[in-house]
Amino acid sequence: MKQKRKESRVTVVRYPHCAAIDVAKDLHAVALAPDENGEQEVKFFSGFTVALHAMGQWLKKNGVIQVAMESTGVYWIPAYEVLDALGFDMWLVNPAGLKRPDRRKSDVLDCQWLQQLMSLGLLSKSHRPPDEICELRGYVRDRQRTIQDRARCVQRMQKALQQMNVKLDSVLSDITGKSGMAIIEAIVAGEREARTLASLCDPRVKKSEDEIAAALLGNWRENHLFSLQQSLTTYHHYSSLLRQSEARILSLVDQLAARLTEQKDDSTGGGADRKPLKKPRRKWHQRLQMRLWELFEVDLTAIPGVGVETALTLLSELGHDFSEFDNAKKFSSWLGVAPGTNISGGKHLPGGAKGRSTQVAGQALRMSAMSLRRSQCPLGDRHRKRCSRMDPPRANKATAHELSRIIFAMVTKGEEYMERDQKTTAEQDCRRRLKWLQSEARRLGWDLVQSVDSDKTTQIQVVT
């Protein structure tokens, strides 16, 4: 189908051999560049694999080099992967802000409008990591969903226990620990004696055996016991799936680290003699920490608040090479933690950027910022100061922005994290406060005079 379009006044075409695809579930509309007569051909292809390969051959036949498409749900993934394997320069763009000015909408108009924007160089390409990183990202996201599903099983177990008036969560901080799981499995197996159940607790539990036995007296209704049994079985199933996901993730990370070592011809083995500043408790985290160190070439877990889980999320979402981002500002903006721009008439208006960021790596950095609330380090001090003068979400975002800049500098420059001691930070803060006091005194027409008393203590006096 060919439709004639009015000639555009813009004559600068940056990508003359580009095409655009309006992606849907079962039907894709593909628009080519207009010919010499101003006619633009639009062709429809189904969503089947055979049709996708036929689409690629048709685009090659017409001399297409670049192909642009919107990230519509998950429907764009098969078409993107097939065309990328055929050698096209794929441009995945964000659908936000791509509506036509006249508000007209159809499959044909959408693909034509997208092709016009692409040809003029008005689209920005979204970041998509290599295939092996995309595979790792799928495993990491599946693991996170498995953790969430297992957490819902724990909530159902707590609900069943509460309905039986068994106050296990009142005497144990975690019912999925060693003592809690032993008691729950004994209850499911048929044990009802409170003293016998209380004796299953670990000796390190703070509550006494009498308090635990009093909390384990319940009514033992059959429907609640059945719900507890079902939730426990599902919990063990998700735990098994979680172990499988962790094994697959570790295997893939080992392959990536070995491949990177071979490319660099590193005869030393890639940091086998390194000693991390923070050693995780879990053996899976300990092994994963060393592989992440080899891939990033720096220890990101040395940053306060950044753990192995956060570093793994950054690797799965971004990869180990940040060269695609020109500077730290673009890196922070992609993560969704950069300050929002809301300026009119040269003045900053209240409120930041509209919308809510759903970037997975940015959310991980926000969680890391929240963990700094009680951390006794310079980053924790700055985070607490931000919390004192702004609301918690804004403070978490500001601290996440600082973490993103630190991470970008470490990975791009290859420098390890060096934390300043509390004394140096306190001295800098004191000098900053003194400078502010001097500026305020000059504004009020006063002078600050430094004097030393007999006990050698320094004091600041105000002279009118």
Protein backbone atom coordinates (compact mmCIF):
# COMPACT_ATOMS: atom_id res chain seq x y z
CA MET A 1 0.00 0.00 0.00
CA LYS A 2 1.41 3.37 -1.02
CA GLN A 3 0.25 6.68 0.30
CA LYS A 4 1.33 10.08 -1.01
CA ARG A 5 2.56 12.49 1.62
CA LYS A 6 3.00 16.23 1.33
CA GLU A 7 6.56 17.38 0.84
CA SER A 8 8.26 18.47 4.02
CA ARG A 9 10.06 21.78 4.27
CA VAL A 10 12.88 20.13 6.19
CA THR A 11 15.50 19.05 3.67
CA VAL A 12 18.19 17.72 6.03
CA VAL A 13 17.77 13.95 6.19
CA ARG A 14 20.19 12.26 8.54
CA TYR A 15 19.19 8.63 7.93
CA PRO A 16 17.93 8.28 4.34
CA HIS A 17 17.86 4.45 4.41
CA CYS A 18 15.79 3.91 7.53
CA ALA A 19 12.47 2.19 8.20
CA ALA A 20 10.06 2.15 11.12
CA ILE A 21 7.82 -0.53 12.58
CA ASP A 22 4.59 -0.02 14.49
CA VAL A 23 4.63 -3.09 16.74
CA ALA A 24 1.47 -4.89 17.85
CA LYS A 25 0.65 -8.36 19.12
CA ASP A 26 -0.32 -10.07 15.85
CA LEU A 27 0.31 -7.42 13.19
CA HIS A 28 3.33 -5.20 12.47
CA ALA A 29 3.13 -2.17 10.16
CA VAL A 30 6.42 -1.33 8.41
CA ALA A 31 7.03 2.02 6.68
CA LEU A 32 9.87 2.66 4.25
CA ALA A 33 11.41 6.00 3.33
CA PRO A 34 9.50 8.02 0.70
CA ASP A 35 10.65 7.63 -2.87
CA GLU A 36 11.43 10.41 -5.35
CA ASN A 37 7.71 11.00 -6.02
CA GLY A 38 6.95 11.40 -2.31
CA GLU A 39 5.12 8.08 -2.09
CA GLN A 40 5.78 6.05 1.05
CA GLU A 41 5.23 2.32 1.04
CA VAL A 42 3.69 0.67 4.10
CA LYS A 43 3.44 -3.10 4.39
CA PHE A 44 1.88 -5.32 7.06
CA PHE A 45 3.43 -8.50 8.47
CA SER A 46 2.01 -10.94 10.96
CA GLY A 47 3.69 -11.72 14.27
CA PHE A 48 4.73 -15.28 13.35
CA THR A 49 8.41 -16.14 13.07
CA VAL A 50 8.20 -16.92 9.35
CA ALA A 51 6.65 -13.49 8.74
CA LEU A 52 9.38 -11.80 10.78
CA HIS A 53 12.08 -13.38 8.63
CA ALA A 54 10.14 -12.36 5.53
CA MET A 55 10.04 -8.80 6.92
CA GLY A 56 13.81 -8.82 7.27
CA GLN A 57 14.33 -10.03 3.71
CA TRP A 58 11.92 -7.38 2.41
CA LEU A 59 13.79 -4.64 4.28
CA LYS A 60 17.13 -5.85 2.91
CA LYS A 61 15.69 -5.89 -0.59
CA ASN A 62 14.75 -2.20 -0.21
CA GLY A 63 18.20 -1.21 1.06
CA VAL A 64 17.20 -0.44 4.66
CA ILE A 65 20.04 0.02 7.14
CA GLN A 66 18.42 1.44 10.30
CA VAL A 67 15.14 0.18 11.75
CA ALA A 68 13.25 2.04 14.49
CA MET A 69 10.53 0.59 16.69
CA GLU A 70 8.75 1.52 19.89
CA SER A 71 9.10 -0.56 23.04
CA THR A 72 5.49 -1.77 23.14
CA GLY A 73 5.11 -4.25 26.00
CA VAL A 74 7.03 -7.43 25.15
CA TYR A 75 5.76 -7.65 21.58
CA TRP A 76 8.83 -5.86 20.20
CA ILE A 77 11.32 -8.43 21.52
CA PRO A 78 10.87 -11.18 18.84
CA ALA A 79 10.96 -8.68 15.97
CA TYR A 80 13.97 -6.90 17.47
CA GLU A 81 15.95 -10.11 17.96
CA VAL A 82 15.19 -11.46 14.47
CA LEU A 83 16.12 -8.20 12.71
CA ASP A 84 19.18 -7.68 14.91
CA ALA A 85 20.43 -11.16 13.96
CA LEU A 86 20.00 -10.24 10.29
CA GLY A 87 22.43 -7.33 10.72
CA PHE A 88 20.15 -4.27 10.89
CA ASP A 89 21.02 -1.26 13.02
CA MET A 90 18.14 -1.50 15.48
CA TRP A 91 16.79 1.59 17.25
CA LEU A 92 14.56 0.93 20.23
CA VAL A 93 12.86 4.16 21.27
CA ASN A 94 10.70 5.20 24.19
CA PRO A 95 7.06 5.73 23.14
CA ALA A 96 6.70 8.66 25.55
CA GLY A 97 6.52 11.91 23.65
CA LEU A 98 6.12 10.39 20.18
CA LYS A 99 2.47 11.29 19.59
CA ARG A 100 1.56 13.13 16.44
CA PRO A 101 0.84 16.87 16.89
CA ASP A 102 -2.55 16.51 15.18
CA ARG A 103 -3.51 13.63 17.54
CA ARG A 104 -4.41 11.39 14.61
CA LYS A 105 -3.67 7.74 15.20
CA SER A 106 -3.63 4.56 13.16
CA ASP A 107 -1.10 1.82 12.47
CA VAL A 108 -0.14 3.39 9.15
CA LEU A 109 0.15 6.92 10.52
CA ASP A 110 2.15 5.77 13.54
CA CYS A 111 4.80 3.93 11.52
CA GLN A 112 5.02 6.79 9.00
CA TRP A 113 5.45 9.35 11.77
CA LEU A 114 8.10 7.22 13.46
CA GLN A 115 9.96 6.83 10.17
CA GLN A 116 9.89 10.58 9.58
CA LEU A 117 11.31 11.31 13.03
CA MET A 118 13.97 8.64 12.55
CA SER A 119 15.06 9.98 9.16
CA LEU A 120 15.50 13.49 10.58
CA GLY A 121 17.53 12.24 13.55
CA LEU A 122 14.94 13.30 16.13
CA LEU A 123 14.87 9.99 18.02
CA SER A 124 17.12 8.94 20.88
CA LYS A 125 18.23 5.33 20.99
CA SER A 126 17.44 3.38 24.14
CA HIS A 127 20.19 1.45 25.86
CA ARG A 128 20.05 -2.29 25.30
CA PRO A 129 22.94 -4.43 26.60
CA PRO A 130 24.48 -7.33 24.63
CA ASP A 131 22.70 -10.65 24.30
CA GLU A 132 24.59 -12.38 27.11
CA ILE A 133 23.75 -9.52 29.47
CA CYS A 134 20.09 -9.69 28.37
CA GLU A 135 20.13 -13.39 29.24
CA LEU A 136 21.56 -12.61 32.67
CA ARG A 137 18.96 -9.87 33.14
CA GLY A 138 16.18 -12.38 32.50
CA TYR A 139 17.56 -14.75 35.14
CA VAL A 140 17.99 -11.95 37.70
CA ARG A 141 14.46 -10.61 37.15
CA ASP A 142 12.99 -14.12 37.38
CA ARG A 143 14.87 -14.63 40.64
CA GLN A 144 13.45 -11.39 42.02
CA ARG A 145 9.91 -12.47 41.10
CA THR A 146 10.53 -15.84 42.78
CA ILE A 147 11.62 -14.03 45.96
CA GLN A 148 8.44 -11.96 45.88
CA ASP A 149 6.28 -15.06 45.36
CA ARG A 150 8.01 -16.82 48.26
CA ALA A 151 7.43 -13.77 50.46
CA ARG A 152 3.70 -14.05 49.78
CA CYS A 153 3.84 -17.66 50.98
CA VAL A 154 5.40 -16.44 54.24
CA GLN A 155 2.56 -13.94 54.63
CA ARG A 156 -0.01 -16.71 54.15
CA MET A 157 1.75 -18.83 56.78
CA GLN A 158 1.64 -15.91 59.21
CA LYS A 159 -2.05 -15.43 58.49
CA ALA A 160 -2.84 -19.10 59.14
CA LEU A 161 -0.90 -19.04 62.41
CA GLN A 162 -2.67 -15.86 63.52
CA GLN A 163 -6.06 -17.38 62.77
CA MET A 164 -5.13 -20.30 65.02
CA ASN A 165 -3.91 -17.77 67.64
CA VAL A 166 -0.36 -19.14 67.42
CA LYS A 167 1.84 -16.09 68.09
CA LEU A 168 5.02 -17.45 66.57
CA ASP A 169 5.98 -14.14 64.95
CA SER A 170 5.69 -12.43 68.36
CA VAL A 171 8.51 -14.48 69.88
CA LEU A 172 10.68 -14.97 66.77
CA SER A 173 11.91 -12.16 64.55
CA ASP A 174 11.86 -14.40 61.47
CA ILE A 175 9.55 -17.40 61.22
CA THR A 176 11.48 -18.67 58.17
CA GLY A 177 14.67 -19.09 60.20
CA LYS A 178 15.99 -22.32 61.61
CA SER A 179 13.80 -22.28 64.72
CA GLY A 180 10.67 -21.01 62.99
CA MET A 181 10.75 -23.54 60.16
CA ALA A 182 11.39 -26.39 62.61
CA ILE A 183 8.29 -25.42 64.61
CA ILE A 184 6.08 -24.95 61.52
CA GLU A 185 7.14 -28.29 60.04
CA ALA A 186 6.43 -29.98 63.38
CA ILE A 187 2.96 -28.42 63.49
CA VAL A 188 2.22 -29.61 59.95
CA ALA A 189 3.51 -33.08 60.90
CA GLY A 190 0.92 -33.27 63.73
CA GLU A 191 2.69 -32.05 66.86
CA ARG A 192 0.40 -29.99 69.16
CA GLU A 193 2.21 -30.00 72.53
CA ALA A 194 3.46 -26.46 73.21
CA ARG A 195 6.44 -27.54 75.34
CA THR A 196 7.63 -29.95 72.67
CA LEU A 197 7.33 -27.28 70.00
CA ALA A 198 9.17 -24.73 72.15
CA SER A 199 12.07 -27.17 72.69
CA LEU A 200 12.77 -27.05 68.93
CA CYS A 201 14.02 -23.47 69.18
CA ASP A 202 17.70 -22.69 68.94
CA PRO A 203 19.35 -21.88 72.30
CA ARG A 204 20.32 -18.45 70.94
CA VAL A 205 16.68 -17.32 70.85
CA LYS A 206 16.24 -14.44 73.32
CA LYS A 207 12.77 -15.43 74.49
CA SER A 208 12.51 -17.99 77.27
CA GLU A 209 11.03 -21.44 76.71
CA ASP A 210 8.00 -20.56 78.85
CA GLU A 211 7.22 -17.48 76.73
CA ILE A 212 7.58 -19.47 73.51
CA ALA A 213 5.37 -22.27 74.84
CA ALA A 214 2.69 -19.75 75.84
CA ALA A 215 2.77 -18.27 72.34
CA LEU A 216 2.34 -21.70 70.72
CA LEU A 217 -1.01 -22.51 72.33
CA GLY A 218 -3.66 -22.38 69.60
CA ASN A 219 -7.06 -23.71 68.57
CA TRP A 220 -5.73 -25.95 65.73
CA ARG A 221 -8.67 -25.75 63.34
CA GLU A 222 -8.40 -28.08 60.37
CA ASN A 223 -8.97 -25.50 57.64
CA HIS A 224 -6.22 -23.28 59.05
CA LEU A 225 -3.86 -26.23 59.35
CA PHE A 226 -4.58 -27.15 55.74
CA SER A 227 -3.80 -23.58 54.65
CA LEU A 228 -0.55 -23.66 56.64
CA GLN A 229 0.44 -26.95 55.01
CA GLN A 230 -0.29 -25.63 51.52
CA SER A 231 1.70 -22.46 52.14
CA LEU A 232 4.65 -24.40 53.58
CA THR A 233 4.73 -26.73 50.56
CA THR A 234 4.65 -23.75 48.19
CA TYR A 235 7.38 -22.04 50.21
CA HIS A 236 9.69 -25.04 49.81
CA HIS A 237 8.88 -25.18 46.10
CA TYR A 238 9.85 -21.54 45.58
CA SER A 239 12.99 -22.06 47.65
CA SER A 240 13.98 -24.87 45.28
CA LEU A 241 13.32 -22.63 42.27
CA LEU A 242 15.37 -19.88 43.90
CA ARG A 243 18.37 -22.18 44.30
CA GLN A 244 18.10 -23.20 40.64
CA SER A 245 18.01 -19.55 39.55
CA GLU A 246 21.04 -18.69 41.68
CA ALA A 247 22.98 -21.62 40.21
CA ARG A 248 22.11 -20.51 36.66
CA ILE A 249 23.08 -16.90 37.42
CA LEU A 250 26.41 -17.88 38.95
CA SER A 251 27.19 -20.16 36.01
CA LEU A 252 26.53 -17.39 33.48
CA VAL A 253 28.54 -14.83 35.49
CA ASP A 254 31.45 -17.30 35.61
CA GLN A 255 31.31 -17.60 31.82
CA LEU A 256 31.28 -13.83 31.38
CA ALA A 257 34.24 -13.39 33.71
CA ALA A 258 36.21 -16.16 31.99
CA ARG A 259 35.48 -14.68 28.57
CA LEU A 260 36.59 -11.22 29.68
CA THR A 261 39.79 -12.66 31.13
CA GLU A 262 40.58 -14.41 27.85
CA GLN A 263 40.00 -11.22 25.86
CA LYS A 264 42.40 -9.28 28.05
CA ASP A 265 45.01 -12.08 28.07
CA ASP A 266 45.34 -11.71 31.83
CA SER A 267 47.79 -14.33 33.03
CA THR A 268 47.25 -13.55 36.72
CA GLY A 269 43.79 -15.13 36.78
CA GLY A 270 41.74 -11.98 37.30
CA GLY A 271 42.17 -10.94 40.89
CA ALA A 272 42.46 -14.30 42.65
CA ASP A 273 44.49 -12.73 45.47
CA ARG A 274 42.04 -9.91 46.14
CA LYS A 275 40.54 -9.44 49.55
CA PRO A 276 37.21 -7.57 49.58
CA LEU A 277 36.55 -4.95 52.21
CA LYS A 278 33.18 -6.45 53.06
CA LYS A 279 32.75 -10.24 53.05
CA PRO A 280 29.14 -11.46 52.65
CA ARG A 281 27.79 -14.23 54.84
CA ARG A 282 26.33 -16.43 52.12
CA LYS A 283 28.78 -18.52 50.11
CA TRP A 284 26.82 -17.76 46.93
CA HIS A 285 27.31 -14.05 47.55
CA GLN A 286 31.02 -14.53 48.30
CA ARG A 287 31.67 -16.28 45.00
CA LEU A 288 29.49 -13.84 43.11
CA GLN A 289 31.30 -10.88 44.66
CA MET A 290 34.65 -11.96 43.21
CA ARG A 291 33.16 -12.49 39.74
CA LEU A 292 31.57 -9.05 39.84
CA TRP A 293 34.93 -7.60 40.84
CA GLU A 294 36.55 -9.25 37.82
CA LEU A 295 33.88 -7.95 35.44
CA PHE A 296 33.72 -4.37 36.72
CA GLU A 297 37.47 -4.36 37.58
CA VAL A 298 36.54 -2.52 40.80
CA ASP A 299 34.85 -3.62 44.01
CA LEU A 300 31.47 -1.89 43.96
CA THR A 301 30.53 -3.56 47.24
CA ALA A 302 33.15 -1.39 48.99
CA ILE A 303 30.73 1.55 48.64
CA PRO A 304 28.61 1.89 51.81
CA GLY A 305 25.06 0.72 51.12
CA VAL A 306 25.93 -1.13 47.90
CA GLY A 307 25.80 -4.88 48.38
CA VAL A 308 26.25 -7.87 46.12
CA GLU A 309 22.56 -7.82 45.12
CA THR A 310 22.81 -4.18 43.98
CA ALA A 311 26.01 -4.83 42.03
CA LEU A 312 24.39 -7.86 40.36
CA THR A 313 21.39 -5.73 39.38
CA LEU A 314 23.68 -3.12 37.82
CA LEU A 315 25.50 -5.81 35.85
CA SER A 316 22.28 -7.42 34.60
CA GLU A 317 20.67 -4.11 33.60
CA LEU A 318 23.70 -2.24 32.22
CA GLY A 319 26.50 -4.69 31.65
CA HIS A 320 30.07 -4.17 32.80
CA ASP A 321 30.92 -1.53 30.18
CA PHE A 322 29.54 1.99 30.71
CA SER A 323 31.22 3.49 27.63
CA GLU A 324 27.84 4.06 25.93
CA PHE A 325 27.15 6.82 28.45
CA ASP A 326 29.21 9.92 27.72
CA ASN A 327 29.27 11.26 31.27
CA ALA A 328 27.86 10.78 34.74
CA LYS A 329 24.92 13.10 34.03
CA LYS A 330 23.59 10.90 31.23
CA PHE A 331 24.24 7.81 33.32
CA SER A 332 22.24 9.18 36.26
CA SER A 333 19.49 10.39 33.95
CA TRP A 334 19.10 6.92 32.43
CA LEU A 335 18.85 5.42 35.92
CA GLY A 336 16.09 7.90 36.78
CA VAL A 337 17.89 9.36 39.80
CA ALA A 338 18.99 12.69 38.30
CA PRO A 339 17.34 15.90 39.57
CA GLY A 340 14.21 16.78 37.64
CA THR A 341 14.00 19.94 35.54
CA ASN A 342 10.96 22.11 36.17
CA ILE A 343 12.04 25.62 35.16
CA SER A 344 9.89 28.41 33.80
CA GLY A 345 10.98 32.00 33.25
CA GLY A 346 14.42 31.20 34.59
CA LYS A 347 12.98 30.10 37.97
CA HIS A 348 12.90 26.64 39.50
CA LEU A 349 9.29 25.75 40.16
CA PRO A 350 8.23 23.39 42.97
CA GLY A 351 8.03 19.76 41.98
CA GLY A 352 10.38 17.71 39.85
CA ALA A 353 9.99 15.64 36.75
CA LYS A 354 6.57 14.21 36.06
CA GLY A 355 5.95 10.49 36.20
CA ARG A 356 7.39 7.70 38.26
CA SER A 357 10.63 5.97 37.34
CA THR A 358 10.41 2.19 36.99
CA GLN A 359 14.07 1.65 36.11
CA VAL A 360 15.17 -1.51 37.96
CA ALA A 361 18.76 -0.37 38.52
CA GLY A 362 17.57 3.03 39.74
CA GLN A 363 15.21 1.39 42.22
CA ALA A 364 18.11 -0.74 43.48
CA LEU A 365 20.17 2.39 44.12
CA ARG A 366 17.23 3.96 45.97
CA MET A 367 17.09 0.90 48.23
CA SER A 368 20.83 1.22 48.82
CA ALA A 369 20.32 4.87 49.76
CA MET A 370 17.64 3.89 52.29
CA SER A 371 20.10 1.51 53.99
CA LEU A 372 22.45 4.46 54.70
CA ARG A 373 20.04 5.99 57.20
CA ARG A 374 21.89 4.45 60.16
CA SER A 375 25.30 3.99 58.54
CA GLN A 376 28.18 5.64 60.41
CA CYS A 377 30.08 6.87 57.37
CA PRO A 378 30.37 10.13 55.41
CA LEU A 379 27.70 8.95 52.95
CA GLY A 380 25.40 8.17 55.86
CA ASP A 381 26.02 11.62 57.38
CA ARG A 382 25.14 13.34 54.12
CA HIS A 383 22.03 11.21 53.72
CA ARG A 384 20.83 12.09 57.22
CA LYS A 385 21.39 15.79 56.49
CA ARG A 386 19.29 15.47 53.35
CA CYS A 387 16.54 13.74 55.32
CA SER A 388 16.53 16.63 57.81
CA ARG A 389 15.76 19.25 55.16
CA MET A 390 13.63 17.34 52.63
CA ASP A 391 11.10 14.51 52.55
CA PRO A 392 12.43 10.90 52.53
CA PRO A 393 11.68 10.09 48.85
CA ARG A 394 13.57 13.15 47.65
CA ALA A 395 16.44 12.43 50.06
CA ASN A 396 16.65 8.81 48.84
CA LYS A 397 16.72 9.98 45.24
CA ALA A 398 19.44 12.55 45.97
CA THR A 399 21.59 9.96 47.73
CA ALA A 400 20.99 7.47 44.91
CA HIS A 401 22.18 10.17 42.51
CA GLU A 402 25.39 10.52 44.49
CA LEU A 403 25.86 6.73 44.50
CA SER A 404 25.36 6.61 40.73
CA ARG A 405 28.06 9.23 40.18
CA ILE A 406 30.46 7.33 42.42
CA ILE A 407 29.75 4.05 40.59
CA PHE A 408 30.19 5.65 37.17
CA ALA A 409 33.51 7.21 38.18
CA MET A 410 34.79 3.93 39.61
CA VAL A 411 33.87 1.81 36.58
CA THR A 412 34.98 4.27 33.88
CA LYS A 413 38.23 5.31 35.59
CA GLY A 414 39.08 1.94 37.13
CA GLU A 415 39.68 3.43 40.59
CA GLU A 416 38.73 1.71 43.82
CA TYR A 417 36.50 3.42 46.37
CA MET A 418 38.47 5.34 48.99
CA GLU A 419 36.41 6.48 51.94
CA ARG A 420 37.51 9.47 53.96
CA ASP A 421 37.60 9.11 57.73
CA GLN A 422 35.11 10.77 60.02
CA LYS A 423 37.66 13.28 61.34
CA THR A 424 38.49 14.68 57.88
CA THR A 425 34.80 14.92 57.02
CA ALA A 426 34.04 16.70 60.30
CA GLU A 427 36.83 19.23 59.68
CA GLN A 428 35.54 19.97 56.18
CA ASP A 429 32.03 20.39 57.54
CA CYS A 430 33.31 22.78 60.20
CA ARG A 431 35.12 24.90 57.61
CA ARG A 432 31.99 24.96 55.46
CA ARG A 433 29.86 26.12 58.39
CA LEU A 434 32.41 28.79 59.31
CA LYS A 435 32.42 30.10 55.76
CA TRP A 436 28.63 30.31 55.81
CA LEU A 437 28.66 32.15 59.14
CA GLN A 438 31.15 34.68 57.79
CA SER A 439 29.01 35.37 54.75
CA GLU A 440 25.92 35.80 56.93
CA ALA A 441 27.79 38.17 59.28
CA ARG A 442 28.95 40.34 56.37
CA ARG A 443 25.41 40.47 55.06
CA LEU A 444 24.21 41.77 58.45
CA GLY A 445 27.10 44.26 58.79
CA TRP A 446 28.98 42.31 61.45
CA ASP A 447 32.47 40.83 61.71
CA LEU A 448 33.56 37.46 63.09
CA VAL A 449 36.71 37.56 65.23
CA GLN A 450 38.54 34.39 66.24
CA SER A 451 40.04 34.40 69.75
CA VAL A 452 41.87 31.85 71.90
CA ASP A 453 41.17 31.66 75.66
CA SER A 454 43.55 30.65 78.41
CA ASP A 455 42.43 27.04 78.21
CA LYS A 456 43.48 27.06 74.50
CA THR A 457 39.93 26.76 73.19
CA THR A 458 39.05 28.61 70.03
CA GLN A 459 35.99 30.84 70.12
CA ILE A 460 34.21 32.94 67.53
CA GLN A 461 33.07 36.41 68.66
CA VAL A 462 30.68 38.68 66.83
CA VAL A 463 31.76 42.34 66.60
CA THR A 464 29.20 44.94 65.53
